Amino acid sequence: MNGNWWAILAILVVLIAYTIFRTIRQSRYLKVLDEEEFRKGYRKAQLIDVREPQEFKNGHILGARNIPATQLKQRLVEIRPDKPVYLYCQGGTRSAKAADLLHKKGYKHIYQLKGGFKKWTGKVK
């Protein structure tokens, strides 16, 4: 193996280690729920769709509020820290990033829909 291969291998190892570390850390404050579990709790919580407005307009879970991940930091005052927060996006990436921000801001009860809106089979608007 020449030096380039070792560099690529080292980068891959670092990326894999970072991903594992982030997943473990995030699992301490973010509960990922399947659709059935998500359905049981979201009506008593703050249901936030973190997709962009056009995605929300094209269909969303009934009762959800649209606070795009790109605007979340500026709109935190709209989310109560004393109530559970149920998040979803299209596939899970943006809602995980939104959960990171909420956690850093002191929110305690954060839940995410496993697989995101694309896996949702319940009622939509």
PDB file of N, CA and C in Angstrom:
ATOM      1  N   MET A   1       0.850  -1.198   0.000  1.00  0.00           N
ATOM      2  CA  MET A   1       0.000   0.000   0.000  1.00  0.00           C
ATOM      3  C   MET A   1       0.883   1.245   0.000  1.00  0.00           C
ATOM      4  N   ASN A   2       0.537   2.172  -0.861  1.00  0.00           N
ATOM      5  CA  ASN A   2       1.299   3.421  -0.841  1.00  0.00           C
ATOM      6  C   ASN A   2       0.670   4.413   0.138  1.00  0.00           C
ATOM      7  N   GLY A   3       1.255   5.572   0.286  1.00  0.00           N
ATOM      8  CA  GLY A   3       0.818   6.575   1.256  1.00  0.00           C
ATOM      9  C   GLY A   3      -0.606   7.060   1.066  1.00  0.00           C
ATOM     10  N   ASN A   4      -1.043   7.136  -0.186  1.00  0.00           N
ATOM     11  CA  ASN A   4      -2.410   7.609  -0.459  1.00  0.00           C
ATOM     12  C   ASN A   4      -3.450   6.665   0.136  1.00  0.00           C
ATOM     13  N   TRP A   5      -3.227   5.363  -0.001  1.00  0.00           N
ATOM     14  CA  TRP A   5      -4.170   4.393   0.545  1.00  0.00           C
ATOM     15  C   TRP A   5      -4.237   4.469   2.060  1.00  0.00           C
ATOM     16  N   TRP A   6      -3.100   4.657   2.703  1.00  0.00           N
ATOM     17  CA  TRP A   6      -3.084   4.788   4.166  1.00  0.00           C
ATOM     18  C   TRP A   6      -3.845   6.043   4.600  1.00  0.00           C
ATOM     19  N   ALA A   7      -3.701   7.120   3.854  1.00  0.00           N
ATOM     20  CA  ALA A   7      -4.409   8.369   4.177  1.00  0.00           C
ATOM     21  C   ALA A   7      -5.925   8.175   4.036  1.00  0.00           C
ATOM     22  N   ILE A   8      -6.321   7.513   2.959  1.00  0.00           N
ATOM     23  CA  ILE A   8      -7.749   7.258   2.740  1.00  0.00           C
ATOM     24  C   ILE A   8      -8.297   6.355   3.845  1.00  0.00           C
ATOM     25  N   LEU A   9      -7.549   5.324   4.190  1.00  0.00           N
ATOM     26  CA  LEU A   9      -7.961   4.421   5.260  1.00  0.00           C
ATOM     27  C   LEU A   9      -8.091   5.162   6.591  1.00  0.00           C
ATOM     28  N   ALA A  10      -7.130   6.025   6.885  1.00  0.00           N
ATOM     29  CA  ALA A  10      -7.168   6.801   8.131  1.00  0.00           C
ATOM     30  C   ALA A  10      -8.394   7.710   8.161  1.00  0.00           C
ATOM     31  N   ILE A  11      -8.697   8.344   7.049  1.00  0.00           N
ATOM     32  CA  ILE A  11      -9.868   9.233   6.973  1.00  0.00           C
ATOM     33  C   ILE A  11     -11.146   8.424   7.198  1.00  0.00           C
ATOM     34  N   LEU A  12     -11.231   7.256   6.580  1.00  0.00           N
ATOM     35  CA  LEU A  12     -12.411   6.401   6.770  1.00  0.00           C
ATOM     36  C   LEU A  12     -12.575   5.966   8.215  1.00  0.00           C
ATOM     37  N   VAL A  13     -11.488   5.599   8.854  1.00  0.00           N
ATOM     38  CA  VAL A  13     -11.547   5.187  10.261  1.00  0.00           C
ATOM     39  C   VAL A  13     -12.034   6.342  11.130  1.00  0.00           C
ATOM     40  N   VAL A  14     -11.518   7.540  10.883  1.00  0.00           N
ATOM     41  CA  VAL A  14     -11.935   8.715  11.655  1.00  0.00           C
ATOM     42  C   VAL A  14     -13.421   8.997  11.434  1.00  0.00           C
ATOM     43  N   LEU A  15     -13.890   8.941  10.198  1.00  0.00           N
ATOM     44  CA  LEU A  15     -15.307   9.189   9.906  1.00  0.00           C
ATOM     45  C   LEU A  15     -16.212   8.157  10.575  1.00  0.00           C
ATOM     46  N   ILE A  16     -15.829   6.905  10.521  1.00  0.00           N
ATOM     47  CA  ILE A  16     -16.627   5.860  11.162  1.00  0.00           C
ATOM     48  C   ILE A  16     -16.650   6.056  12.677  1.00  0.00           C
ATOM     49  N   ALA A  17     -15.502   6.355  13.256  1.00  0.00           N
ATOM     50  CA  ALA A  17     -15.433   6.579  14.705  1.00  0.00           C
ATOM     51  C   ALA A  17     -16.297   7.772  15.110  1.00  0.00           C
ATOM     52  N   TYR A  18     -16.234   8.851  14.335  1.00  0.00           N
ATOM     53  CA  TYR A  18     -17.040  10.041  14.632  1.00  0.00           C
ATOM     54  C   TYR A  18     -18.532   9.708  14.560  1.00  0.00           C
ATOM     55  N   THR A  19     -18.932   8.969  13.545  1.00  0.00           N
ATOM     56  CA  THR A  19     -20.341   8.610  13.388  1.00  0.00           C
ATOM     57  C   THR A  19     -20.824   7.767  14.560  1.00  0.00           C
ATOM     58  N   ILE A  20     -20.019   6.803  14.975  1.00  0.00           N
ATOM     59  CA  ILE A  20     -20.382   5.962  16.122  1.00  0.00           C
ATOM     60  C   ILE A  20     -20.475   6.806  17.391  1.00  0.00           C
ATOM     61  N   PHE A  21     -19.493   7.671  17.616  1.00  0.00           N
ATOM     62  CA  PHE A  21     -19.502   8.542  18.798  1.00  0.00           C
ATOM     63  C   PHE A  21     -20.743   9.423  18.812  1.00  0.00           C
ATOM     64  N   ARG A  22     -21.060  10.033  17.688  1.00  0.00           N
ATOM     65  CA  ARG A  22     -22.209  10.947  17.599  1.00  0.00           C
ATOM     66  C   ARG A  22     -23.515  10.197  17.850  1.00  0.00           C
ATOM     67  N   THR A  23     -23.633   9.010  17.304  1.00  0.00           N
ATOM     68  CA  THR A  23     -24.843   8.208  17.486  1.00  0.00           C
ATOM     69  C   THR A  23     -25.034   7.835  18.951  1.00  0.00           C
ATOM     70  N   ILE A  24     -23.960   7.411  19.597  1.00  0.00           N
ATOM     71  CA  ILE A  24     -24.045   7.041  21.009  1.00  0.00           C
ATOM     72  C   ILE A  24     -24.399   8.256  21.861  1.00  0.00           C
ATOM     73  N   ARG A  25     -23.746   9.381  21.598  1.00  0.00           N
ATOM     74  CA  ARG A  25     -24.011  10.606  22.363  1.00  0.00           C
ATOM     75  C   ARG A  25     -25.459  11.052  22.156  1.00  0.00           C
ATOM     76  N   GLN A  26     -25.915  11.016  20.909  1.00  0.00           N
ATOM     77  CA  GLN A  26     -27.261  11.474  20.607  1.00  0.00           C
ATOM     78  C   GLN A  26     -28.320  10.561  21.227  1.00  0.00           C
ATOM     79  N   SER A  27     -28.032   9.286  21.348  1.00  0.00           N
ATOM     80  CA  SER A  27     -29.019   8.355  21.905  1.00  0.00           C
ATOM     81  C   SER A  27     -29.308   8.637  23.377  1.00  0.00           C
ATOM     82  N   ARG A  28     -28.466   9.426  24.021  1.00  0.00           N
ATOM     83  CA  ARG A  28     -28.697   9.780  25.424  1.00  0.00           C
ATOM     84  C   ARG A  28     -29.833  10.791  25.591  1.00  0.00           C
ATOM     85  N   TYR A  29     -30.074  11.605  24.585  1.00  0.00           N
ATOM     86  CA  TYR A  29     -31.107  12.641  24.722  1.00  0.00           C
ATOM     87  C   TYR A  29     -32.179  12.598  23.642  1.00  0.00           C
ATOM     88  N   LEU A  30     -31.982  11.821  22.594  1.00  0.00           N
ATOM     89  CA  LEU A  30     -32.969  11.741  21.518  1.00  0.00           C
ATOM     90  C   LEU A  30     -33.502  10.325  21.437  1.00  0.00           C
ATOM     91  N   LYS A  31     -34.823  10.209  21.594  1.00  0.00           N
ATOM     92  CA  LYS A  31     -35.454   8.895  21.469  1.00  0.00           C
ATOM     93  C   LYS A  31     -36.044   8.789  20.068  1.00  0.00           C
ATOM     94  N   VAL A  32     -35.593   7.792  19.334  1.00  0.00           N
ATOM     95  CA  VAL A  32     -36.113   7.540  17.991  1.00  0.00           C
ATOM     96  C   VAL A  32     -37.258   6.536  18.131  1.00  0.00           C
ATOM     97  N   LEU A  33     -38.430   6.959  17.679  1.00  0.00           N
ATOM     98  CA  LEU A  33     -39.637   6.150  17.847  1.00  0.00           C
ATOM     99  C   LEU A  33     -40.138   5.627  16.511  1.00  0.00           C
ATOM    100  N   ASP A  34     -40.622   4.386  16.509  1.00  0.00           N
ATOM    101  CA  ASP A  34     -41.269   3.893  15.297  1.00  0.00           C
ATOM    102  C   ASP A  34     -42.633   4.584  15.191  1.00  0.00           C
ATOM    103  N   GLU A  35     -43.296   4.385  14.077  1.00  0.00           N
ATOM    104  CA  GLU A  35     -44.542   5.113  13.832  1.00  0.00           C
ATOM    105  C   GLU A  35     -45.588   4.877  14.923  1.00  0.00           C
ATOM    106  N   GLU A  36     -45.722   3.646  15.382  1.00  0.00           N
ATOM    107  CA  GLU A  36     -46.717   3.328  16.414  1.00  0.00           C
ATOM    108  C   GLU A  36     -46.422   4.088  17.718  1.00  0.00           C
ATOM    109  N   GLU A  37     -45.180   4.067  18.148  1.00  0.00           N
ATOM    110  CA  GLU A  37     -44.795   4.782  19.378  1.00  0.00           C
ATOM    111  C   GLU A  37     -44.972   6.290  19.200  1.00  0.00           C
ATOM    112  N   PHE A  38     -44.598   6.784  18.031  1.00  0.00           N
ATOM    113  CA  PHE A  38     -44.708   8.214  17.723  1.00  0.00           C
ATOM    114  C   PHE A  38     -46.170   8.653  17.798  1.00  0.00           C
ATOM    115  N   ARG A  39     -47.051   7.842  17.209  1.00  0.00           N
ATOM    116  CA  ARG A  39     -48.487   8.149  17.215  1.00  0.00           C
ATOM    117  C   ARG A  39     -49.063   8.234  18.616  1.00  0.00           C
ATOM    118  N   LYS A  40     -48.594   7.365  19.496  1.00  0.00           N
ATOM    119  CA  LYS A  40     -49.114   7.331  20.870  1.00  0.00           C
ATOM    120  C   LYS A  40     -48.844   8.618  21.630  1.00  0.00           C
ATOM    121  N   GLY A  41     -47.744   9.305  21.319  1.00  0.00           N
ATOM    122  CA  GLY A  41     -47.374  10.453  22.124  1.00  0.00           C
ATOM    123  C   GLY A  41     -47.462  11.821  21.501  1.00  0.00           C
ATOM    124  N   TYR A  42     -47.503  11.910  20.179  1.00  0.00           N
ATOM    125  CA  TYR A  42     -47.364  13.237  19.572  1.00  0.00           C
ATOM    126  C   TYR A  42     -48.545  14.172  19.801  1.00  0.00           C
ATOM    127  N   ARG A  43     -49.721  13.651  20.092  1.00  0.00           N
ATOM    128  CA  ARG A  43     -50.877  14.535  20.308  1.00  0.00           C
ATOM    129  C   ARG A  43     -50.782  15.297  21.627  1.00  0.00           C
ATOM    130  N   LYS A  44     -50.010  14.763  22.566  1.00  0.00           N
ATOM    131  CA  LYS A  44     -49.833  15.430  23.859  1.00  0.00           C
ATOM    132  C   LYS A  44     -48.528  16.231  23.888  1.00  0.00           C
ATOM    133  N   ALA A  45     -47.936  16.411  22.734  1.00  0.00           N
ATOM    134  CA  ALA A  45     -46.627  17.066  22.658  1.00  0.00           C
ATOM    135  C   ALA A  45     -46.665  18.168  21.605  1.00  0.00           C
ATOM    136  N   GLN A  46     -45.521  18.744  21.368  1.00  0.00           N
ATOM    137  CA  GLN A  46     -45.347  19.730  20.310  1.00  0.00           C
ATOM    138  C   GLN A  46     -44.822  18.978  19.089  1.00  0.00           C
ATOM    139  N   LEU A  47     -45.636  18.892  18.055  1.00  0.00           N
ATOM    140  CA  LEU A  47     -45.267  18.171  16.839  1.00  0.00           C
ATOM    141  C   LEU A  47     -44.688  19.165  15.844  1.00  0.00           C
ATOM    142  N   ILE A  48     -43.398  19.000  15.553  1.00  0.00           N
ATOM    143  CA  ILE A  48     -42.692  19.951  14.702  1.00  0.00           C
ATOM    144  C   ILE A  48     -42.167  19.260  13.452  1.00  0.00           C
ATOM    145  N   ASP A  49     -42.563  19.787  12.302  1.00  0.00           N
ATOM    146  CA  ASP A  49     -42.058  19.353  11.008  1.00  0.00           C
ATOM    147  C   ASP A  49     -40.923  20.306  10.655  1.00  0.00           C
ATOM    148  N   VAL A  50     -39.703  19.800  10.551  1.00  0.00           N
ATOM    149  CA  VAL A  50     -38.548  20.675  10.313  1.00  0.00           C
ATOM    150  C   VAL A  50     -38.163  20.765   8.834  1.00  0.00           C
ATOM    151  N   ARG A  51     -39.046  20.281   7.964  1.00  0.00           N
ATOM    152  CA  ARG A  51     -38.792  20.400   6.527  1.00  0.00           C
ATOM    153  C   ARG A  51     -39.063  21.832   6.066  1.00  0.00           C
ATOM    154  N   GLU A  52     -38.671  22.123   4.856  1.00  0.00           N
ATOM    155  CA  GLU A  52     -38.886  23.450   4.295  1.00  0.00           C
ATOM    156  C   GLU A  52     -40.380  23.661   3.987  1.00  0.00           C
ATOM    157  N   PRO A  53     -40.831  24.936   3.961  1.00  0.00           N
ATOM    158  CA  PRO A  53     -42.262  25.235   3.771  1.00  0.00           C
ATOM    159  C   PRO A  53     -42.911  24.550   2.564  1.00  0.00           C
ATOM    160  N   GLN A  54     -42.206  24.462   1.438  1.00  0.00           N
ATOM    161  CA  GLN A  54     -42.792  23.832   0.252  1.00  0.00           C
ATOM    162  C   GLN A  54     -43.025  22.339   0.483  1.00  0.00           C
ATOM    163  N   GLU A  55     -42.107  21.679   1.186  1.00  0.00           N
ATOM    164  CA  GLU A  55     -42.282  20.257   1.509  1.00  0.00           C
ATOM    165  C   GLU A  55     -43.488  20.080   2.428  1.00  0.00           C
ATOM    166  N   PHE A  56     -43.599  20.962   3.418  1.00  0.00           N
ATOM    167  CA  PHE A  56     -44.709  20.930   4.374  1.00  0.00           C
ATOM    168  C   PHE A  56     -46.036  21.122   3.650  1.00  0.00           C
ATOM    169  N   LYS A  57     -46.056  22.078   2.736  1.00  0.00           N
ATOM    170  CA  LYS A  57     -47.262  22.395   1.976  1.00  0.00           C
ATOM    171  C   LYS A  57     -47.724  21.208   1.124  1.00  0.00           C
ATOM    172  N   ASN A  58     -46.778  20.408   0.663  1.00  0.00           N
ATOM    173  CA  ASN A  58     -47.101  19.248  -0.175  1.00  0.00           C
ATOM    174  C   ASN A  58     -47.624  18.058   0.618  1.00  0.00           C
ATOM    175  N   GLY A  59     -47.659  18.174   1.936  1.00  0.00           N
ATOM    176  CA  GLY A  59     -48.183  17.110   2.783  1.00  0.00           C
ATOM    177  C   GLY A  59     -47.418  17.023   4.083  1.00  0.00           C
ATOM    178  N   HIS A  60     -48.152  16.906   5.188  1.00  0.00           N
ATOM    179  CA  HIS A  60     -47.537  16.813   6.510  1.00  0.00           C
ATOM    180  C   HIS A  60     -48.466  16.043   7.454  1.00  0.00           C
ATOM    181  N   ILE A  61     -47.904  15.625   8.576  1.00  0.00           N
ATOM    182  CA  ILE A  61     -48.682  14.917   9.586  1.00  0.00           C
ATOM    183  C   ILE A  61     -49.714  15.877  10.162  1.00  0.00           C
ATOM    184  N   LEU A  62     -50.942  15.411  10.259  1.00  0.00           N
ATOM    185  CA  LEU A  62     -52.034  16.227  10.780  1.00  0.00           C
ATOM    186  C   LEU A  62     -51.681  16.767  12.165  1.00  0.00           C
ATOM    187  N   GLY A  63     -51.770  18.079  12.347  1.00  0.00           N
ATOM    188  CA  GLY A  63     -51.487  18.706  13.632  1.00  0.00           C
ATOM    189  C   GLY A  63     -50.065  19.231  13.784  1.00  0.00           C
ATOM    190  N   ALA A  64     -49.232  19.010  12.784  1.00  0.00           N
ATOM    191  CA  ALA A  64     -47.835  19.457  12.874  1.00  0.00           C
ATOM    192  C   ALA A  64     -47.707  20.958  12.587  1.00  0.00           C
ATOM    193  N   ARG A  65     -46.713  21.564  13.240  1.00  0.00           N
ATOM    194  CA  ARG A  65     -46.320  22.951  12.946  1.00  0.00           C
ATOM    195  C   ARG A  65     -45.055  22.896  12.118  1.00  0.00           C
ATOM    196  N   ASN A  66     -44.933  23.807  11.179  1.00  0.00           N
ATOM    197  CA  ASN A  66     -43.739  23.852  10.347  1.00  0.00           C
ATOM    198  C   ASN A  66     -42.753  24.884  10.887  1.00  0.00           C
ATOM    199  N   ILE A  67     -41.649  24.387  11.412  1.00  0.00           N
ATOM    200  CA  ILE A  67     -40.528  25.240  11.800  1.00  0.00           C
ATOM    201  C   ILE A  67     -39.306  24.623  11.126  1.00  0.00           C
ATOM    202  N   PRO A  68     -38.962  25.123   9.930  1.00  0.00           N
ATOM    203  CA  PRO A  68     -37.844  24.533   9.184  1.00  0.00           C
ATOM    204  C   PRO A  68     -36.545  24.522   9.999  1.00  0.00           C
ATOM    205  N   ALA A  69     -35.763  23.479   9.817  1.00  0.00           N
ATOM    206  CA  ALA A  69     -34.478  23.354  10.517  1.00  0.00           C
ATOM    207  C   ALA A  69     -33.603  24.584  10.269  1.00  0.00           C
ATOM    208  N   THR A  70     -33.728  25.163   9.084  1.00  0.00           N
ATOM    209  CA  THR A  70     -32.925  26.340   8.739  1.00  0.00           C
ATOM    210  C   THR A  70     -33.337  27.578   9.537  1.00  0.00           C
ATOM    211  N   GLN A  71     -34.518  27.568  10.132  1.00  0.00           N
ATOM    212  CA  GLN A  71     -35.016  28.716  10.904  1.00  0.00           C
ATOM    213  C   GLN A  71     -35.120  28.418  12.407  1.00  0.00           C
ATOM    214  N   LEU A  72     -34.796  27.200  12.800  1.00  0.00           N
ATOM    215  CA  LEU A  72     -35.044  26.746  14.171  1.00  0.00           C
ATOM    216  C   LEU A  72     -34.390  27.638  15.221  1.00  0.00           C
ATOM    217  N   LYS A  73     -33.153  27.995  15.026  1.00  0.00           N
ATOM    218  CA  LYS A  73     -32.429  28.798  16.012  1.00  0.00           C
ATOM    219  C   LYS A  73     -33.148  30.126  16.270  1.00  0.00           C
ATOM    220  N   GLN A  74     -33.647  30.753  15.215  1.00  0.00           N
ATOM    221  CA  GLN A  74     -34.338  32.039  15.351  1.00  0.00           C
ATOM    222  C   GLN A  74     -35.755  31.889  15.900  1.00  0.00           C
ATOM    223  N   ARG A  75     -36.317  30.699  15.834  1.00  0.00           N
ATOM    224  CA  ARG A  75     -37.714  30.495  16.231  1.00  0.00           C
ATOM    225  C   ARG A  75     -37.878  29.629  17.478  1.00  0.00           C
ATOM    226  N   LEU A  76     -36.815  29.485  18.253  1.00  0.00           N
ATOM    227  CA  LEU A  76     -36.874  28.660  19.464  1.00  0.00           C
ATOM    228  C   LEU A  76     -37.954  29.121  20.436  1.00  0.00           C
ATOM    229  N   VAL A  77     -38.258  30.419  20.452  1.00  0.00           N
ATOM    230  CA  VAL A  77     -39.280  30.937  21.373  1.00  0.00           C
ATOM    231  C   VAL A  77     -40.658  30.325  21.110  1.00  0.00           C
ATOM    232  N   GLU A  78     -40.843  29.724  19.947  1.00  0.00           N
ATOM    233  CA  GLU A  78     -42.120  29.094  19.601  1.00  0.00           C
ATOM    234  C   GLU A  78     -42.249  27.680  20.171  1.00  0.00           C
ATOM    235  N   ILE A  79     -41.164  27.163  20.731  1.00  0.00           N
ATOM    236  CA  ILE A  79     -41.168  25.791  21.245  1.00  0.00           C
ATOM    237  C   ILE A  79     -40.965  25.826  22.754  1.00  0.00           C
ATOM    238  N   ARG A  80     -41.926  25.288  23.483  1.00  0.00           N
ATOM    239  CA  ARG A  80     -41.845  25.283  24.950  1.00  0.00           C
ATOM    240  C   ARG A  80     -40.853  24.232  25.436  1.00  0.00           C
ATOM    241  N   PRO A  81     -39.917  24.618  26.304  1.00  0.00           N
ATOM    242  CA  PRO A  81     -38.943  23.647  26.812  1.00  0.00           C
ATOM    243  C   PRO A  81     -39.521  22.681  27.845  1.00  0.00           C
ATOM    244  N   ASP A  82     -40.703  22.991  28.396  1.00  0.00           N
ATOM    245  CA  ASP A  82     -41.293  22.153  29.443  1.00  0.00           C
ATOM    246  C   ASP A  82     -42.222  21.063  28.895  1.00  0.00           C
ATOM    247  N   LYS A  83     -42.410  21.024  27.589  1.00  0.00           N
ATOM    248  CA  LYS A  83     -43.268  20.006  26.974  1.00  0.00           C
ATOM    249  C   LYS A  83     -42.448  19.154  26.014  1.00  0.00           C
ATOM    250  N   PRO A  84     -42.820  17.884  25.855  1.00  0.00           N
ATOM    251  CA  PRO A  84     -42.100  17.027  24.904  1.00  0.00           C
ATOM    252  C   PRO A  84     -42.159  17.598  23.484  1.00  0.00           C
ATOM    253  N   VAL A  85     -41.089  17.372  22.740  1.00  0.00           N
ATOM    254  CA  VAL A  85     -40.997  17.832  21.352  1.00  0.00           C
ATOM    255  C   VAL A  85     -40.860  16.602  20.453  1.00  0.00           C
ATOM    256  N   TYR A  86     -41.784  16.462  19.519  1.00  0.00           N
ATOM    257  CA  TYR A  86     -41.752  15.372  18.546  1.00  0.00           C
ATOM    258  C   TYR A  86     -41.351  15.984  17.209  1.00  0.00           C
ATOM    259  N   LEU A  87     -40.249  15.510  16.668  1.00  0.00           N
ATOM    260  CA  LEU A  87     -39.688  16.061  15.436  1.00  0.00           C
ATOM    261  C   LEU A  87     -39.764  15.060  14.292  1.00  0.00           C
ATOM    262  N   TYR A  88     -39.903  15.592  13.100  1.00  0.00           N
ATOM    263  CA  TYR A  88     -39.723  14.752  11.917  1.00  0.00           C
ATOM    264  C   TYR A  88     -39.321  15.629  10.738  1.00  0.00           C
ATOM    265  N   CYS A  89     -38.667  14.994   9.782  1.00  0.00           N
ATOM    266  CA  CYS A  89     -38.335  15.621   8.506  1.00  0.00           C
ATOM    267  C   CYS A  89     -38.638  14.580   7.433  1.00  0.00           C
ATOM    268  N   GLN A  90     -38.027  14.668   6.289  1.00  0.00           N
ATOM    269  CA  GLN A  90     -38.332  13.705   5.228  1.00  0.00           C
ATOM    270  C   GLN A  90     -37.766  12.319   5.530  1.00  0.00           C
ATOM    271  N   GLY A  91     -36.507  12.265   6.015  1.00  0.00           N
ATOM    272  CA  GLY A  91     -35.887  10.970   6.233  1.00  0.00           C
ATOM    273  C   GLY A  91     -35.226  10.777   7.584  1.00  0.00           C
ATOM    274  N   GLY A  92     -34.953  11.853   8.308  1.00  0.00           N
ATOM    275  CA  GLY A  92     -34.365  11.740   9.638  1.00  0.00           C
ATOM    276  C   GLY A  92     -33.129  12.580   9.895  1.00  0.00           C
ATOM    277  N   THR A  93     -32.460  13.026   8.844  1.00  0.00           N
ATOM    278  CA  THR A  93     -31.217  13.780   9.020  1.00  0.00           C
ATOM    279  C   THR A  93     -31.455  15.159   9.617  1.00  0.00           C
ATOM    280  N   ARG A  94     -32.373  15.913   9.050  1.00  0.00           N
ATOM    281  CA  ARG A  94     -32.624  17.274   9.544  1.00  0.00           C
ATOM    282  C   ARG A  94     -33.225  17.270  10.941  1.00  0.00           C
ATOM    283  N   SER A  95     -34.100  16.308  11.229  1.00  0.00           N
ATOM    284  CA  SER A  95     -34.688  16.269  12.574  1.00  0.00           C
ATOM    285  C   SER A  95     -33.632  15.888  13.614  1.00  0.00           C
ATOM    286  N   ALA A  96     -32.647  15.085  13.245  1.00  0.00           N
ATOM    287  CA  ALA A  96     -31.549  14.753  14.168  1.00  0.00           C
ATOM    288  C   ALA A  96     -30.711  15.997  14.458  1.00  0.00           C
ATOM    289  N   LYS A  97     -30.460  16.805  13.435  1.00  0.00           N
ATOM    290  CA  LYS A  97     -29.708  18.056  13.640  1.00  0.00           C
ATOM    291  C   LYS A  97     -30.527  19.032  14.487  1.00  0.00           C
ATOM    292  N   ALA A  98     -31.827  19.074  14.266  1.00  0.00           N
ATOM    293  CA  ALA A  98     -32.697  19.934  15.066  1.00  0.00           C
ATOM    294  C   ALA A  98     -32.677  19.480  16.524  1.00  0.00           C
ATOM    295  N   ALA A  99     -32.670  18.181  16.744  1.00  0.00           N
ATOM    296  CA  ALA A  99     -32.603  17.640  18.103  1.00  0.00           C
ATOM    297  C   ALA A  99     -31.306  18.057  18.791  1.00  0.00           C
ATOM    298  N   ASP A 100     -30.201  18.057  18.053  1.00  0.00           N
ATOM    299  CA  ASP A 100     -28.920  18.511  18.613  1.00  0.00           C
ATOM    300  C   ASP A 100     -29.042  19.942  19.124  1.00  0.00           C
ATOM    301  N   LEU A 101     -29.617  20.801  18.312  1.00  0.00           N
ATOM    302  CA  LEU A 101     -29.772  22.202  18.700  1.00  0.00           C
ATOM    303  C   LEU A 101     -30.676  22.334  19.925  1.00  0.00           C
ATOM    304  N   LEU A 102     -31.801  21.648  19.918  1.00  0.00           N
ATOM    305  CA  LEU A 102     -32.718  21.718  21.063  1.00  0.00           C
ATOM    306  C   LEU A 102     -32.045  21.222  22.342  1.00  0.00           C
ATOM    307  N   HIS A 103     -31.299  20.143  22.226  1.00  0.00           N
ATOM    308  CA  HIS A 103     -30.578  19.608  23.389  1.00  0.00           C
ATOM    309  C   HIS A 103     -29.590  20.644  23.932  1.00  0.00           C
ATOM    310  N   LYS A 104     -28.851  21.272  23.055  1.00  0.00           N
ATOM    311  CA  LYS A 104     -27.871  22.294  23.477  1.00  0.00           C
ATOM    312  C   LYS A 104     -28.554  23.472  24.156  1.00  0.00           C
ATOM    313  N   LYS A 105     -29.810  23.719  23.792  1.00  0.00           N
ATOM    314  CA  LYS A 105     -30.558  24.841  24.368  1.00  0.00           C
ATOM    315  C   LYS A 105     -31.342  24.429  25.621  1.00  0.00           C
ATOM    316  N   GLY A 106     -31.159  23.191  26.072  1.00  0.00           N
ATOM    317  CA  GLY A 106     -31.746  22.777  27.337  1.00  0.00           C
ATOM    318  C   GLY A 106     -33.045  21.990  27.265  1.00  0.00           C
ATOM    319  N   TYR A 107     -33.506  21.656  26.085  1.00  0.00           N
ATOM    320  CA  TYR A 107     -34.726  20.853  25.962  1.00  0.00           C
ATOM    321  C   TYR A 107     -34.409  19.419  26.385  1.00  0.00           C
ATOM    322  N   LYS A 108     -35.331  18.809  27.125  1.00  0.00           N
ATOM    323  CA  LYS A 108     -35.063  17.499  27.714  1.00  0.00           C
ATOM    324  C   LYS A 108     -35.788  16.332  27.032  1.00  0.00           C
ATOM    325  N   HIS A 109     -37.002  16.533  26.622  1.00  0.00           N
ATOM    326  CA  HIS A 109     -37.822  15.432  26.101  1.00  0.00           C
ATOM    327  C   HIS A 109     -37.977  15.594  24.587  1.00  0.00           C
ATOM    328  N   ILE A 110     -37.034  14.979  23.859  1.00  0.00           N
ATOM    329  CA  ILE A 110     -36.980  15.134  22.406  1.00  0.00           C
ATOM    330  C   ILE A 110     -37.141  13.758  21.759  1.00  0.00           C
ATOM    331  N   TYR A 111     -38.063  13.688  20.803  1.00  0.00           N
ATOM    332  CA  TYR A 111     -38.371  12.436  20.125  1.00  0.00           C
ATOM    333  C   TYR A 111     -38.319  12.658  18.615  1.00  0.00           C
ATOM    334  N   GLN A 112     -37.949  11.607  17.900  1.00  0.00           N
ATOM    335  CA  GLN A 112     -37.832  11.689  16.444  1.00  0.00           C
ATOM    336  C   GLN A 112     -38.568  10.513  15.809  1.00  0.00           C
ATOM    337  N   LEU A 113     -39.238  10.784  14.693  1.00  0.00           N
ATOM    338  CA  LEU A 113     -39.928   9.738  13.938  1.00  0.00           C
ATOM    339  C   LEU A 113     -38.916   8.945  13.121  1.00  0.00           C
ATOM    340  N   LYS A 114     -38.822   7.672  13.399  1.00  0.00           N
ATOM    341  CA  LYS A 114     -37.889   6.796  12.685  1.00  0.00           C
ATOM    342  C   LYS A 114     -38.272   6.736  11.206  1.00  0.00           C
ATOM    343  N   GLY A 115     -37.317   7.014  10.344  1.00  0.00           N
ATOM    344  CA  GLY A 115     -37.574   6.964   8.906  1.00  0.00           C
ATOM    345  C   GLY A 115     -38.194   8.220   8.334  1.00  0.00           C
ATOM    346  N   GLY A 116     -38.649   9.130   9.197  1.00  0.00           N
ATOM    347  CA  GLY A 116     -39.202  10.400   8.738  1.00  0.00           C
ATOM    348  C   GLY A 116     -40.554  10.287   8.054  1.00  0.00           C
ATOM    349  N   PHE A 117     -40.955  11.390   7.450  1.00  0.00           N
ATOM    350  CA  PHE A 117     -42.267  11.500   6.811  1.00  0.00           C
ATOM    351  C   PHE A 117     -42.440  10.489   5.684  1.00  0.00           C
ATOM    352  N   LYS A 118     -41.361  10.157   5.000  1.00  0.00           N
ATOM    353  CA  LYS A 118     -41.489   9.225   3.864  1.00  0.00           C
ATOM    354  C   LYS A 118     -41.923   7.827   4.319  1.00  0.00           C
ATOM    355  N   LYS A 119     -41.758   7.506   5.613  1.00  0.00           N
ATOM    356  CA  LYS A 119     -42.186   6.208   6.135  1.00  0.00           C
ATOM    357  C   LYS A 119     -43.555   6.279   6.827  1.00  0.00           C
ATOM    358  N   TRP A 120     -44.097   7.485   6.988  1.00  0.00           N
ATOM    359  CA  TRP A 120     -45.345   7.700   7.713  1.00  0.00           C
ATOM    360  C   TRP A 120     -46.523   7.138   6.911  1.00  0.00           C
ATOM    361  N   THR A 121     -47.397   6.376   7.588  1.00  0.00           N
ATOM    362  CA  THR A 121     -48.584   5.818   6.924  1.00  0.00           C
ATOM    363  C   THR A 121     -49.875   6.372   7.514  1.00  0.00           C
ATOM    364  N   GLY A 122     -49.743   7.232   8.536  1.00  0.00           N
ATOM    365  CA  GLY A 122     -50.926   7.788   9.205  1.00  0.00           C
ATOM    366  C   GLY A 122     -51.551   8.939   8.430  1.00  0.00           C
ATOM    367  N   LYS A 123     -52.454   9.648   9.115  1.00  0.00           N
ATOM    368  CA  LYS A 123     -53.159  10.757   8.487  1.00  0.00           C
ATOM    369  C   LYS A 123     -52.218  11.894   8.117  1.00  0.00           C
ATOM    370  N   VAL A 124     -52.477  12.463   6.964  1.00  0.00           N
ATOM    371  CA  VAL A 124     -51.721  13.623   6.489  1.00  0.00           C
ATOM    372  C   VAL A 124     -52.668  14.686   6.000  1.00  0.00           C
ATOM    373  N   LYS A 125     -52.168  15.876   5.945  1.00  0.00           N
ATOM    374  CA  LYS A 125     -52.965  16.982   5.422  1.00  0.00           C
ATOM    375  C   LYS A 125     -52.352  17.449   4.129  1.00  0.00           C
TER     376      LYS A 125
END
